[in-house]
Amino acid sequence: MDVLYLVVPCYNEEPVLPDTSAKLLTKMESLIKSEKISPDSRIVFVNDGSKDKTWEIISELHTQNKMFQGVKLSRNRGHQNALLAGLMTVMEHCDITISLDADLQDDINAIDEMVDKYHEGCEVVYGVRSARDTDTFFKKFTAEGFYKIMKAMGADVVFNHADYRLMSRKALEGMREFEEVNLFLRGVVPMVGYKSDSVYYERKERLAGESKYPLKKMLAFAWEGITSLSTKPIKLISAAGAVIFLVSIVMLIYSLCSHFFGYTEAGWTSVMVSVWAIGGLQLLAIGIIGEYIGKVYLESKHRPKFIVEKYLSDEDK
């Protein structure tokens, strides 16, 4: 039987961990009893520099039951790096991994179908939301708009899929070859390739605690994804530059005609509008290009994406 490791990034998850750990333990015991996975399977919580008692709870769970393991990062590195740290740490100990958030808004009953699809030959199985009925109109509009913009920008992302997915060891080894510092796993995983499929589920309400992705973070995450996976914004700047160049030719002809016919004051408004429009576009273009240059700068430093301070594994029992 295959060894399954659940990888759960945690940042200040003290309110939800007791309930989350109990539900995940029940699910794993059910899968083991039905002989879908090996008794050597584990639940791994990754502490991403939490400021509350998250790590203390993880350590206590590990002491009480060998099913629970913990990875402690040296400092807060963000959700994507914390998830990658967990996956890379456990990769050599398991056959398959499933990543999910600590709030368990993603239906854990979908795990059974994910494992079934793996046994059918899939190396990657995406958990995809079937609907967004629990979201507010604003949340639904912005979230779905995010995926559509990502697609339009050339990023190969799965619509309505976050980071709830199954990956085999083979797929993880492929993902390890991607060494970029600016990490956006939702775009990187599809680039790994291999046979994949999706399972669909309804997302639940968060039981306790607060969302770790308010609007500000969502927008920053979206921008990180776009600029990490696509050069289309720079191409759009080039296209806008070409359009403005054509408009400037029209304005030149208009200005010359106004001059020869004696309407020299008529172009004042057009000139002012043109100056402001071109100035704004130039600042926007410099900002976007600067964003890419900044990413190149960070990539060239080859800084580690994460540092594991401690790993509570079976050897620590």
C-alpha atoms as a PDB file:
ATOM      1  CA  MET A   1       0.000   0.000   0.000  1.00  0.00           C
ATOM      2  CA  ASP A   2       1.075   3.565  -0.699  1.00  0.00           C
ATOM      3  CA  VAL A   3       2.302   5.886   2.032  1.00  0.00           C
ATOM      4  CA  LEU A   4       0.325   9.153   2.102  1.00  0.00           C
ATOM      5  CA  TYR A   5       1.531  12.312   3.836  1.00  0.00           C
ATOM      6  CA  LEU A   6      -0.902  15.185   4.382  1.00  0.00           C
ATOM      7  CA  VAL A   7       0.984  18.500   4.357  1.00  0.00           C
ATOM      8  CA  VAL A   8      -0.739  21.352   6.181  1.00  0.00           C
ATOM      9  CA  PRO A   9       0.875  24.853   6.272  1.00  0.00           C
ATOM     10  CA  CYS A  10       0.064  26.690   9.503  1.00  0.00           C
ATOM     11  CA  TYR A  11       0.376  30.351  10.450  1.00  0.00           C
ATOM     12  CA  ASN A  12      -1.258  31.362  13.736  1.00  0.00           C
ATOM     13  CA  GLU A  13      -3.686  28.444  13.563  1.00  0.00           C
ATOM     14  CA  GLU A  14      -4.030  27.909  17.329  1.00  0.00           C
ATOM     15  CA  PRO A  15      -7.867  28.261  17.247  1.00  0.00           C
ATOM     16  CA  VAL A  16      -8.418  25.587  14.571  1.00  0.00           C
ATOM     17  CA  LEU A  17      -5.643  23.028  15.143  1.00  0.00           C
ATOM     18  CA  PRO A  18      -7.375  20.889  17.831  1.00  0.00           C
ATOM     19  CA  ASP A  19     -10.462  20.378  15.653  1.00  0.00           C
ATOM     20  CA  THR A  20      -8.446  20.080  12.418  1.00  0.00           C
ATOM     21  CA  SER A  21      -6.089  17.448  13.840  1.00  0.00           C
ATOM     22  CA  ALA A  22      -8.995  15.344  15.143  1.00  0.00           C
ATOM     23  CA  LYS A  23     -10.816  15.391  11.797  1.00  0.00           C
ATOM     24  CA  LEU A  24      -7.677  14.601   9.791  1.00  0.00           C
ATOM     25  CA  LEU A  25      -6.796  11.742  12.135  1.00  0.00           C
ATOM     26  CA  THR A  26     -10.269  10.247  11.692  1.00  0.00           C
ATOM     27  CA  LYS A  27      -9.961  10.549   7.912  1.00  0.00           C
ATOM     28  CA  MET A  28      -6.517   8.909   7.833  1.00  0.00           C
ATOM     29  CA  GLU A  29      -7.659   6.044  10.070  1.00  0.00           C
ATOM     30  CA  SER A  30     -10.623   5.498   7.744  1.00  0.00           C
ATOM     31  CA  LEU A  31      -8.353   5.354   4.688  1.00  0.00           C
ATOM     32  CA  ILE A  32      -5.996   2.938   6.446  1.00  0.00           C
ATOM     33  CA  LYS A  33      -8.895   0.722   7.555  1.00  0.00           C
ATOM     34  CA  SER A  34     -10.211   0.554   3.979  1.00  0.00           C
ATOM     35  CA  GLU A  35      -6.649  -0.334   2.863  1.00  0.00           C
ATOM     36  CA  LYS A  36      -6.372   2.615   0.498  1.00  0.00           C
ATOM     37  CA  ILE A  37      -3.166   3.816   2.169  1.00  0.00           C
ATOM     38  CA  SER A  38      -0.407   2.358   4.338  1.00  0.00           C
ATOM     39  CA  PRO A  39      -0.449   2.501   8.184  1.00  0.00           C
ATOM     40  CA  ASP A  40       2.878   4.369   7.816  1.00  0.00           C
ATOM     41  CA  SER A  41       1.014   7.394   6.444  1.00  0.00           C
ATOM     42  CA  ARG A  42       1.360  10.653   8.386  1.00  0.00           C
ATOM     43  CA  ILE A  43      -0.136  14.127   8.953  1.00  0.00           C
ATOM     44  CA  VAL A  44       2.527  16.869   8.772  1.00  0.00           C
ATOM     45  CA  PHE A  45       1.869  20.386  10.080  1.00  0.00           C
ATOM     46  CA  VAL A  46       4.284  23.066   8.841  1.00  0.00           C
ATOM     47  CA  ASN A  47       4.703  25.957  11.281  1.00  0.00           C
ATOM     48  CA  ASP A  48       5.380  29.083   9.227  1.00  0.00           C
ATOM     49  CA  GLY A  49       6.817  31.291  11.976  1.00  0.00           C
ATOM     50  CA  SER A  50       3.542  31.489  13.928  1.00  0.00           C
ATOM     51  CA  LYS A  51       3.352  34.015  16.775  1.00  0.00           C
ATOM     52  CA  ASP A  52       0.802  32.078  18.846  1.00  0.00           C
ATOM     53  CA  LYS A  53       0.949  28.546  20.306  1.00  0.00           C
ATOM     54  CA  THR A  54       0.715  26.746  16.975  1.00  0.00           C
ATOM     55  CA  TRP A  55       4.100  25.013  17.340  1.00  0.00           C
ATOM     56  CA  GLU A  56       3.396  24.011  20.954  1.00  0.00           C
ATOM     57  CA  ILE A  57       0.151  22.342  19.831  1.00  0.00           C
ATOM     58  CA  ILE A  58       1.940  20.561  16.966  1.00  0.00           C
ATOM     59  CA  SER A  59       4.630  19.304  19.358  1.00  0.00           C
ATOM     60  CA  GLU A  60       1.982  18.037  21.786  1.00  0.00           C
ATOM     61  CA  LEU A  61       0.108  16.240  19.004  1.00  0.00           C
ATOM     62  CA  HIS A  62       3.356  14.587  17.933  1.00  0.00           C
ATOM     63  CA  THR A  63       3.998  13.418  21.490  1.00  0.00           C
ATOM     64  CA  GLN A  64       0.509  11.954  21.819  1.00  0.00           C
ATOM     65  CA  ASN A  65       0.250  10.187  18.465  1.00  0.00           C
ATOM     66  CA  LYS A  66       2.913   9.077  15.988  1.00  0.00           C
ATOM     67  CA  MET A  67       0.517   9.887  13.140  1.00  0.00           C
ATOM     68  CA  PHE A  68       1.300  13.582  13.629  1.00  0.00           C
ATOM     69  CA  GLN A  69       4.569  15.150  12.539  1.00  0.00           C
ATOM     70  CA  GLY A  70       5.772  18.741  12.489  1.00  0.00           C
ATOM     71  CA  VAL A  71       8.079  20.951  10.436  1.00  0.00           C
ATOM     72  CA  LYS A  72       9.196  24.212  12.021  1.00  0.00           C
ATOM     73  CA  LEU A  73      10.571  26.934   9.733  1.00  0.00           C
ATOM     74  CA  SER A  74      13.210  29.305  11.097  1.00  0.00           C
ATOM     75  CA  ARG A  75      10.969  32.298  10.324  1.00  0.00           C
ATOM     76  CA  ASN A  76       7.810  33.263   8.498  1.00  0.00           C
ATOM     77  CA  ARG A  77       8.282  32.626   4.776  1.00  0.00           C
ATOM     78  CA  GLY A  78       4.717  32.875   3.478  1.00  0.00           C
ATOM     79  CA  HIS A  79       2.153  30.223   2.562  1.00  0.00           C
ATOM     80  CA  GLN A  80       3.736  29.107  -0.724  1.00  0.00           C
ATOM     81  CA  ASN A  81       7.224  28.626   0.719  1.00  0.00           C
ATOM     82  CA  ALA A  82       5.832  26.923   3.823  1.00  0.00           C
ATOM     83  CA  LEU A  83       3.908  24.498   1.638  1.00  0.00           C
ATOM     84  CA  LEU A  84       6.971  23.826  -0.504  1.00  0.00           C
ATOM     85  CA  ALA A  85       9.074  23.281   2.638  1.00  0.00           C
ATOM     86  CA  GLY A  86       6.663  20.630   3.867  1.00  0.00           C
ATOM     87  CA  LEU A  87       6.471  18.862   0.519  1.00  0.00           C
ATOM     88  CA  MET A  88      10.233  18.786   0.016  1.00  0.00           C
ATOM     89  CA  THR A  89      10.874  17.654   3.616  1.00  0.00           C
ATOM     90  CA  VAL A  90       8.551  14.627   3.421  1.00  0.00           C
ATOM     91  CA  MET A  91       9.155  13.731  -0.228  1.00  0.00           C
ATOM     92  CA  GLU A  92      11.637  10.943   0.518  1.00  0.00           C
ATOM     93  CA  HIS A  93       9.363   9.346   3.130  1.00  0.00           C
ATOM     94  CA  CYS A  94       6.152   8.883   1.150  1.00  0.00           C
ATOM     95  CA  ASP A  95       4.648   7.800  -2.144  1.00  0.00           C
ATOM     96  CA  ILE A  96       2.013  10.535  -2.381  1.00  0.00           C
ATOM     97  CA  THR A  97       1.277  13.850  -0.682  1.00  0.00           C
ATOM     98  CA  ILE A  98      -1.883  15.891  -0.366  1.00  0.00           C
ATOM     99  CA  SER A  99      -1.599  19.567   0.552  1.00  0.00           C
ATOM    100  CA  LEU A 100      -4.465  21.404   2.227  1.00  0.00           C
ATOM    101  CA  ASP A 101      -5.095  24.420   4.444  1.00  0.00           C
ATOM    102  CA  ALA A 102      -5.437  24.153   8.215  1.00  0.00           C
ATOM    103  CA  ASP A 103      -8.927  25.668   8.306  1.00  0.00           C
ATOM    104  CA  LEU A 104     -10.332  22.601   6.454  1.00  0.00           C
ATOM    105  CA  GLN A 105     -12.579  24.704   4.268  1.00  0.00           C
ATOM    106  CA  ASP A 106     -11.545  22.293   1.539  1.00  0.00           C
ATOM    107  CA  ASP A 107     -13.673  19.150   1.944  1.00  0.00           C
ATOM    108  CA  ILE A 108     -11.419  16.359   3.276  1.00  0.00           C
ATOM    109  CA  ASN A 109     -13.840  13.747   1.924  1.00  0.00           C
ATOM    110  CA  ALA A 110     -12.399  14.553  -1.506  1.00  0.00           C
ATOM    111  CA  ILE A 111      -9.169  12.869  -0.347  1.00  0.00           C
ATOM    112  CA  ASP A 112     -10.705   9.432  -1.018  1.00  0.00           C
ATOM    113  CA  GLU A 113     -11.379  10.285  -4.655  1.00  0.00           C
ATOM    114  CA  MET A 114      -7.919  11.839  -5.023  1.00  0.00           C
ATOM    115  CA  VAL A 115      -6.293   8.613  -3.842  1.00  0.00           C
ATOM    116  CA  ASP A 116      -8.527   6.589  -6.188  1.00  0.00           C
ATOM    117  CA  LYS A 117      -7.447   8.705  -9.156  1.00  0.00           C
ATOM    118  CA  TYR A 118      -3.802   8.228  -8.158  1.00  0.00           C
ATOM    119  CA  HIS A 119      -4.346   4.456  -8.211  1.00  0.00           C
ATOM    120  CA  GLU A 120      -5.818   4.912 -11.699  1.00  0.00           C
ATOM    121  CA  GLY A 121      -2.489   6.352 -12.863  1.00  0.00           C
ATOM    122  CA  CYS A 122      -2.663  10.093 -12.150  1.00  0.00           C
ATOM    123  CA  GLU A 123       0.493  11.714 -10.791  1.00  0.00           C
ATOM    124  CA  VAL A 124      -1.295  14.997  -9.931  1.00  0.00           C
ATOM    125  CA  VAL A 125      -4.911  15.411  -8.807  1.00  0.00           C
ATOM    126  CA  TYR A 126      -6.345  18.915  -8.376  1.00  0.00           C
ATOM    127  CA  GLY A 127      -9.037  19.746  -5.844  1.00  0.00           C
ATOM    128  CA  VAL A 128     -11.404  22.143  -7.614  1.00  0.00           C
ATOM    129  CA  ARG A 129     -14.290  24.079  -6.134  1.00  0.00           C
ATOM    130  CA  SER A 130     -17.563  23.141  -7.816  1.00  0.00           C
ATOM    131  CA  ALA A 131     -19.262  26.380  -6.712  1.00  0.00           C
ATOM    132  CA  ARG A 132     -18.715  29.561  -4.704  1.00  0.00           C
ATOM    133  CA  ASP A 133     -22.088  29.750  -2.972  1.00  0.00           C
ATOM    134  CA  THR A 134     -20.502  30.487   0.421  1.00  0.00           C
ATOM    135  CA  ASP A 135     -18.599  33.509  -0.933  1.00  0.00           C
ATOM    136  CA  THR A 136     -19.829  37.085  -0.934  1.00  0.00           C
ATOM    137  CA  PHE A 137     -20.477  38.643  -4.327  1.00  0.00           C
ATOM    138  CA  PHE A 138     -17.261  40.668  -4.047  1.00  0.00           C
ATOM    139  CA  LYS A 139     -15.181  37.632  -3.075  1.00  0.00           C
ATOM    140  CA  LYS A 140     -16.666  35.543  -5.890  1.00  0.00           C
ATOM    141  CA  PHE A 141     -16.212  38.317  -8.466  1.00  0.00           C
ATOM    142  CA  THR A 142     -12.573  39.016  -7.531  1.00  0.00           C
ATOM    143  CA  ALA A 143     -11.603  35.341  -7.169  1.00  0.00           C
ATOM    144  CA  GLU A 144     -13.048  34.264 -10.506  1.00  0.00           C
ATOM    145  CA  GLY A 145     -11.656  37.412 -12.104  1.00  0.00           C
ATOM    146  CA  PHE A 146      -8.219  36.443 -10.787  1.00  0.00           C
ATOM    147  CA  TYR A 147      -8.271  33.078 -12.578  1.00  0.00           C
ATOM    148  CA  LYS A 148      -9.543  34.644 -15.802  1.00  0.00           C
ATOM    149  CA  ILE A 149      -6.835  37.321 -15.738  1.00  0.00           C
ATOM    150  CA  MET A 150      -4.183  34.671 -15.066  1.00  0.00           C
ATOM    151  CA  LYS A 151      -5.396  32.709 -18.091  1.00  0.00           C
ATOM    152  CA  ALA A 152      -5.451  35.846 -20.228  1.00  0.00           C
ATOM    153  CA  MET A 153      -1.887  36.608 -19.173  1.00  0.00           C
ATOM    154  CA  GLY A 154      -0.743  33.188 -20.387  1.00  0.00           C
ATOM    155  CA  ALA A 155      -0.446  31.400 -17.022  1.00  0.00           C
ATOM    156  CA  ASP A 156      -1.539  27.755 -17.110  1.00  0.00           C
ATOM    157  CA  VAL A 157      -3.657  27.605 -13.942  1.00  0.00           C
ATOM    158  CA  VAL A 158      -6.608  25.360 -13.075  1.00  0.00           C
ATOM    159  CA  PHE A 159      -9.802  27.406 -12.694  1.00  0.00           C
ATOM    160  CA  ASN A 160     -11.104  27.555  -9.098  1.00  0.00           C
ATOM    161  CA  HIS A 161      -8.180  25.488  -7.797  1.00  0.00           C
ATOM    162  CA  ALA A 162      -6.127  26.759  -4.859  1.00  0.00           C
ATOM    163  CA  ASP A 163      -3.463  24.545  -3.243  1.00  0.00           C
ATOM    164  CA  TYR A 164      -5.583  21.489  -2.413  1.00  0.00           C
ATOM    165  CA  ARG A 165      -3.938  18.802  -4.515  1.00  0.00           C
ATOM    166  CA  LEU A 166      -2.410  15.361  -4.588  1.00  0.00           C
ATOM    167  CA  MET A 167       1.114  14.950  -5.933  1.00  0.00           C
ATOM    168  CA  SER A 168       3.064  11.721  -6.313  1.00  0.00           C
ATOM    169  CA  ARG A 169       6.731  11.499  -5.410  1.00  0.00           C
ATOM    170  CA  LYS A 170       7.502  11.491  -9.126  1.00  0.00           C
ATOM    171  CA  ALA A 171       5.644  14.804  -9.566  1.00  0.00           C
ATOM    172  CA  LEU A 172       7.378  16.288  -6.507  1.00  0.00           C
ATOM    173  CA  GLU A 173      10.771  15.325  -7.915  1.00  0.00           C
ATOM    174  CA  GLY A 174       9.818  17.125 -11.115  1.00  0.00           C
ATOM    175  CA  MET A 175       8.696  20.217  -9.215  1.00  0.00           C
ATOM    176  CA  ARG A 176      11.993  20.253  -7.309  1.00  0.00           C
ATOM    177  CA  GLU A 177      13.733  21.094 -10.603  1.00  0.00           C
ATOM    178  CA  PHE A 178      11.967  24.481 -10.662  1.00  0.00           C
ATOM    179  CA  GLU A 179      14.373  26.679  -8.731  1.00  0.00           C
ATOM    180  CA  GLU A 180      12.755  30.111  -8.950  1.00  0.00           C
ATOM    181  CA  VAL A 181      12.608  32.162  -5.759  1.00  0.00           C
ATOM    182  CA  ASN A 182       9.375  33.952  -6.725  1.00  0.00           C
ATOM    183  CA  LEU A 183       7.111  31.004  -6.072  1.00  0.00           C
ATOM    184  CA  PHE A 184       3.558  30.524  -7.327  1.00  0.00           C
ATOM    185  CA  LEU A 185       2.750  26.823  -6.993  1.00  0.00           C
ATOM    186  CA  ARG A 186      -0.617  27.018  -8.737  1.00  0.00           C
ATOM    187  CA  GLY A 187       1.222  27.929 -11.914  1.00  0.00           C
ATOM    188  CA  VAL A 188       4.324  25.780 -11.384  1.00  0.00           C
ATOM    189  CA  VAL A 189       2.574  22.434 -10.760  1.00  0.00           C
ATOM    190  CA  PRO A 190       0.798  22.324 -14.175  1.00  0.00           C
ATOM    191  CA  MET A 191       4.173  22.989 -15.839  1.00  0.00           C
ATOM    192  CA  VAL A 192       5.565  19.800 -14.286  1.00  0.00           C
ATOM    193  CA  GLY A 193       3.358  17.786 -16.601  1.00  0.00           C
ATOM    194  CA  TYR A 194       2.487  14.087 -16.086  1.00  0.00           C
ATOM    195  CA  LYS A 195      -1.019  12.657 -16.126  1.00  0.00           C
ATOM    196  CA  SER A 196      -3.441  14.731 -14.056  1.00  0.00           C
ATOM    197  CA  ASP A 197      -7.124  14.932 -13.206  1.00  0.00           C
ATOM    198  CA  SER A 198      -9.469  16.912 -10.965  1.00  0.00           C
ATOM    199  CA  VAL A 199     -11.968  16.180  -8.207  1.00  0.00           C
ATOM    200  CA  TYR A 200     -14.766  18.606  -7.375  1.00  0.00           C
ATOM    201  CA  TYR A 201     -16.077  19.622  -3.967  1.00  0.00           C
ATOM    202  CA  GLU A 202     -17.986  22.375  -2.185  1.00  0.00           C
ATOM    203  CA  ARG A 203     -15.910  24.659   0.022  1.00  0.00           C
ATOM    204  CA  LYS A 204     -17.060  25.093   3.630  1.00  0.00           C
ATOM    205  CA  GLU A 205     -17.123  28.072   5.962  1.00  0.00           C
ATOM    206  CA  ARG A 206     -14.054  28.630   8.149  1.00  0.00           C
ATOM    207  CA  LEU A 207     -14.777  27.162  11.612  1.00  0.00           C
ATOM    208  CA  ALA A 208     -12.563  29.507  13.663  1.00  0.00           C
ATOM    209  CA  GLY A 209      -9.805  32.092  13.373  1.00  0.00           C
ATOM    210  CA  GLU A 210      -9.418  34.628  10.593  1.00  0.00           C
ATOM    211  CA  SER A 211      -8.658  34.315   6.909  1.00  0.00           C
ATOM    212  CA  LYS A 212      -4.953  34.693   6.126  1.00  0.00           C
ATOM    213  CA  TYR A 213      -5.824  36.255   2.749  1.00  0.00           C
ATOM    214  CA  PRO A 214      -7.546  39.631   3.136  1.00  0.00           C
ATOM    215  CA  LEU A 215      -8.030  41.747  -0.007  1.00  0.00           C
ATOM    216  CA  LYS A 216      -4.586  43.352   0.205  1.00  0.00           C
ATOM    217  CA  LYS A 217      -2.843  39.974   0.348  1.00  0.00           C
ATOM    218  CA  MET A 218      -5.056  38.558  -2.395  1.00  0.00           C
ATOM    219  CA  LEU A 219      -4.088  41.387  -4.740  1.00  0.00           C
ATOM    220  CA  ALA A 220      -0.397  40.980  -3.880  1.00  0.00           C
ATOM    221  CA  PHE A 221      -0.678  37.224  -4.448  1.00  0.00           C
ATOM    222  CA  ALA A 222      -2.351  37.752  -7.811  1.00  0.00           C
ATOM    223  CA  TRP A 223       0.337  40.204  -8.908  1.00  0.00           C
ATOM    224  CA  GLU A 224       3.048  37.780  -7.754  1.00  0.00           C
ATOM    225  CA  GLY A 225       1.458  35.018  -9.822  1.00  0.00           C
ATOM    226  CA  ILE A 226       1.134  37.132 -12.970  1.00  0.00           C
ATOM    227  CA  THR A 227       4.680  38.511 -12.885  1.00  0.00           C
ATOM    228  CA  SER A 228       6.202  35.160 -11.883  1.00  0.00           C
ATOM    229  CA  LEU A 229       4.623  33.175 -14.701  1.00  0.00           C
ATOM    230  CA  SER A 230       4.101  35.576 -17.592  1.00  0.00           C
ATOM    231  CA  THR A 231       5.884  38.329 -19.528  1.00  0.00           C
ATOM    232  CA  LYS A 232       2.617  39.442 -21.082  1.00  0.00           C
ATOM    233  CA  PRO A 233       2.431  42.729 -19.081  1.00  0.00           C
ATOM    234  CA  ILE A 234       5.636  43.849 -20.777  1.00  0.00           C
ATOM    235  CA  LYS A 235       4.212  42.863 -24.160  1.00  0.00           C
ATOM    236  CA  LEU A 236       1.085  44.869 -23.363  1.00  0.00           C
ATOM    237  CA  ILE A 237       3.286  47.898 -22.658  1.00  0.00           C
ATOM    238  CA  SER A 238       4.884  47.471 -26.089  1.00  0.00           C
ATOM    239  CA  ALA A 239       1.453  47.249 -27.694  1.00  0.00           C
ATOM    240  CA  ALA A 240       0.263  50.345 -25.811  1.00  0.00           C
ATOM    241  CA  GLY A 241       3.406  52.170 -26.921  1.00  0.00           C
ATOM    242  CA  ALA A 242       2.665  51.321 -30.542  1.00  0.00           C
ATOM    243  CA  VAL A 243      -0.931  52.543 -30.217  1.00  0.00           C
ATOM    244  CA  ILE A 244       0.165  55.806 -28.611  1.00  0.00           C
ATOM    245  CA  PHE A 245       2.754  56.290 -31.370  1.00  0.00           C
ATOM    246  CA  LEU A 246      -0.023  56.005 -33.965  1.00  0.00           C
ATOM    247  CA  VAL A 247      -2.174  58.435 -31.970  1.00  0.00           C
ATOM    248  CA  SER A 248       0.751  60.872 -31.796  1.00  0.00           C
ATOM    249  CA  ILE A 249       1.011  60.827 -35.604  1.00  0.00           C
ATOM    250  CA  VAL A 250      -2.700  61.688 -35.833  1.00  0.00           C
ATOM    251  CA  MET A 251      -2.165  64.489 -33.311  1.00  0.00           C
ATOM    252  CA  LEU A 252       0.800  65.757 -35.337  1.00  0.00           C
ATOM    253  CA  ILE A 253      -1.312  65.951 -38.482  1.00  0.00           C
ATOM    254  CA  TYR A 254      -4.102  67.631 -36.504  1.00  0.00           C
ATOM    255  CA  SER A 255      -1.668  70.199 -35.042  1.00  0.00           C
ATOM    256  CA  LEU A 256      -0.203  71.034 -38.460  1.00  0.00           C
ATOM    257  CA  CYS A 257      -3.639  71.460 -39.978  1.00  0.00           C
ATOM    258  CA  SER A 258      -4.701  73.697 -37.051  1.00  0.00           C
ATOM    259  CA  HIS A 259      -1.579  75.802 -37.551  1.00  0.00           C
ATOM    260  CA  PHE A 260      -2.053  76.305 -41.272  1.00  0.00           C
ATOM    261  CA  PHE A 261      -5.747  77.171 -40.875  1.00  0.00           C
ATOM    262  CA  GLY A 262      -5.083  79.618 -38.055  1.00  0.00           C
ATOM    263  CA  TYR A 263      -6.612  77.642 -35.184  1.00  0.00           C
ATOM    264  CA  THR A 264      -3.465  77.596 -33.067  1.00  0.00           C
ATOM    265  CA  GLU A 265      -5.244  77.759 -29.717  1.00  0.00           C
ATOM    266  CA  ALA A 266      -7.532  74.875 -30.466  1.00  0.00           C
ATOM    267  CA  GLY A 267      -4.897  72.247 -29.674  1.00  0.00           C
ATOM    268  CA  TRP A 268      -4.169  73.338 -26.121  1.00  0.00           C
ATOM    269  CA  THR A 269      -6.576  70.824 -24.522  1.00  0.00           C
ATOM    270  CA  SER A 270      -5.365  67.993 -26.717  1.00  0.00           C
ATOM    271  CA  VAL A 271      -1.736  68.712 -25.836  1.00  0.00           C
ATOM    272  CA  MET A 272      -2.462  68.765 -22.112  1.00  0.00           C
ATOM    273  CA  VAL A 273      -4.410  65.506 -22.276  1.00  0.00           C
ATOM    274  CA  SER A 274      -1.648  63.886 -24.331  1.00  0.00           C
ATOM    275  CA  VAL A 275       1.069  64.994 -21.912  1.00  0.00           C
ATOM    276  CA  TRP A 276      -0.785  63.593 -18.901  1.00  0.00           C
ATOM    277  CA  ALA A 277      -1.717  60.344 -20.677  1.00  0.00           C
ATOM    278  CA  ILE A 278       1.790  59.656 -21.964  1.00  0.00           C
ATOM    279  CA  GLY A 279       3.350  60.638 -18.632  1.00  0.00           C
ATOM    280  CA  GLY A 280       1.080  58.261 -16.750  1.00  0.00           C
ATOM    281  CA  LEU A 281       1.758  55.450 -19.201  1.00  0.00           C
ATOM    282  CA  GLN A 282       5.502  55.971 -18.876  1.00  0.00           C
ATOM    283  CA  LEU A 283       5.346  55.762 -15.085  1.00  0.00           C
ATOM    284  CA  LEU A 284       3.224  52.599 -15.308  1.00  0.00           C
ATOM    285  CA  ALA A 285       5.635  51.062 -17.816  1.00  0.00           C
ATOM    286  CA  ILE A 286       8.665  51.879 -15.652  1.00  0.00           C
ATOM    287  CA  GLY A 287       6.921  50.345 -12.635  1.00  0.00           C
ATOM    288  CA  ILE A 288       6.074  47.080 -14.387  1.00  0.00           C
ATOM    289  CA  ILE A 289       9.529  46.750 -15.929  1.00  0.00           C
ATOM    290  CA  GLY A 290      11.028  47.530 -12.513  1.00  0.00           C
ATOM    291  CA  GLU A 291       8.968  44.712 -10.998  1.00  0.00           C
ATOM    292  CA  TYR A 292      10.519  42.238 -13.420  1.00  0.00           C
ATOM    293  CA  ILE A 293      14.014  43.619 -12.847  1.00  0.00           C
ATOM    294  CA  GLY A 294      13.458  43.205  -9.107  1.00  0.00           C
ATOM    295  CA  LYS A 295      12.525  39.565  -9.605  1.00  0.00           C
ATOM    296  CA  VAL A 296      15.635  38.972 -11.694  1.00  0.00           C
ATOM    297  CA  TYR A 297      17.661  40.591  -8.891  1.00  0.00           C
ATOM    298  CA  LEU A 298      16.172  38.247  -6.276  1.00  0.00           C
ATOM    299  CA  GLU A 299      16.604  35.171  -8.485  1.00  0.00           C
ATOM    300  CA  SER A 300      20.282  36.024  -9.069  1.00  0.00           C
ATOM    301  CA  LYS A 301      20.984  35.935  -5.322  1.00  0.00           C
ATOM    302  CA  HIS A 302      19.938  32.250  -5.062  1.00  0.00           C
ATOM    303  CA  ARG A 303      18.620  32.761  -1.553  1.00  0.00           C
ATOM    304  CA  PRO A 304      16.999  29.703   0.079  1.00  0.00           C
ATOM    305  CA  LYS A 305      13.219  29.663  -0.171  1.00  0.00           C
ATOM    306  CA  PHE A 306      12.988  28.300   3.368  1.00  0.00           C
ATOM    307  CA  ILE A 307      15.120  27.000   6.236  1.00  0.00           C
ATOM    308  CA  VAL A 308      13.809  24.108   8.346  1.00  0.00           C
ATOM    309  CA  GLU A 309      14.665  24.655  11.992  1.00  0.00           C
ATOM    310  CA  LYS A 310      13.200  21.389  13.276  1.00  0.00           C
ATOM    311  CA  TYR A 311      11.462  18.299  11.920  1.00  0.00           C
ATOM    312  CA  LEU A 312       9.413  16.161  14.298  1.00  0.00           C
ATOM    313  CA  SER A 313       9.535  12.777  12.578  1.00  0.00           C
ATOM    314  CA  ASP A 314       9.143   9.137  13.605  1.00  0.00           C
ATOM    315  CA  GLU A 315      12.757   9.107  14.796  1.00  0.00           C
ATOM    316  CA  ASP A 316      11.842  11.605  17.524  1.00  0.00           C
ATOM    317  CA  LYS A 317       9.326   9.304  19.180  1.00  0.00           C
END
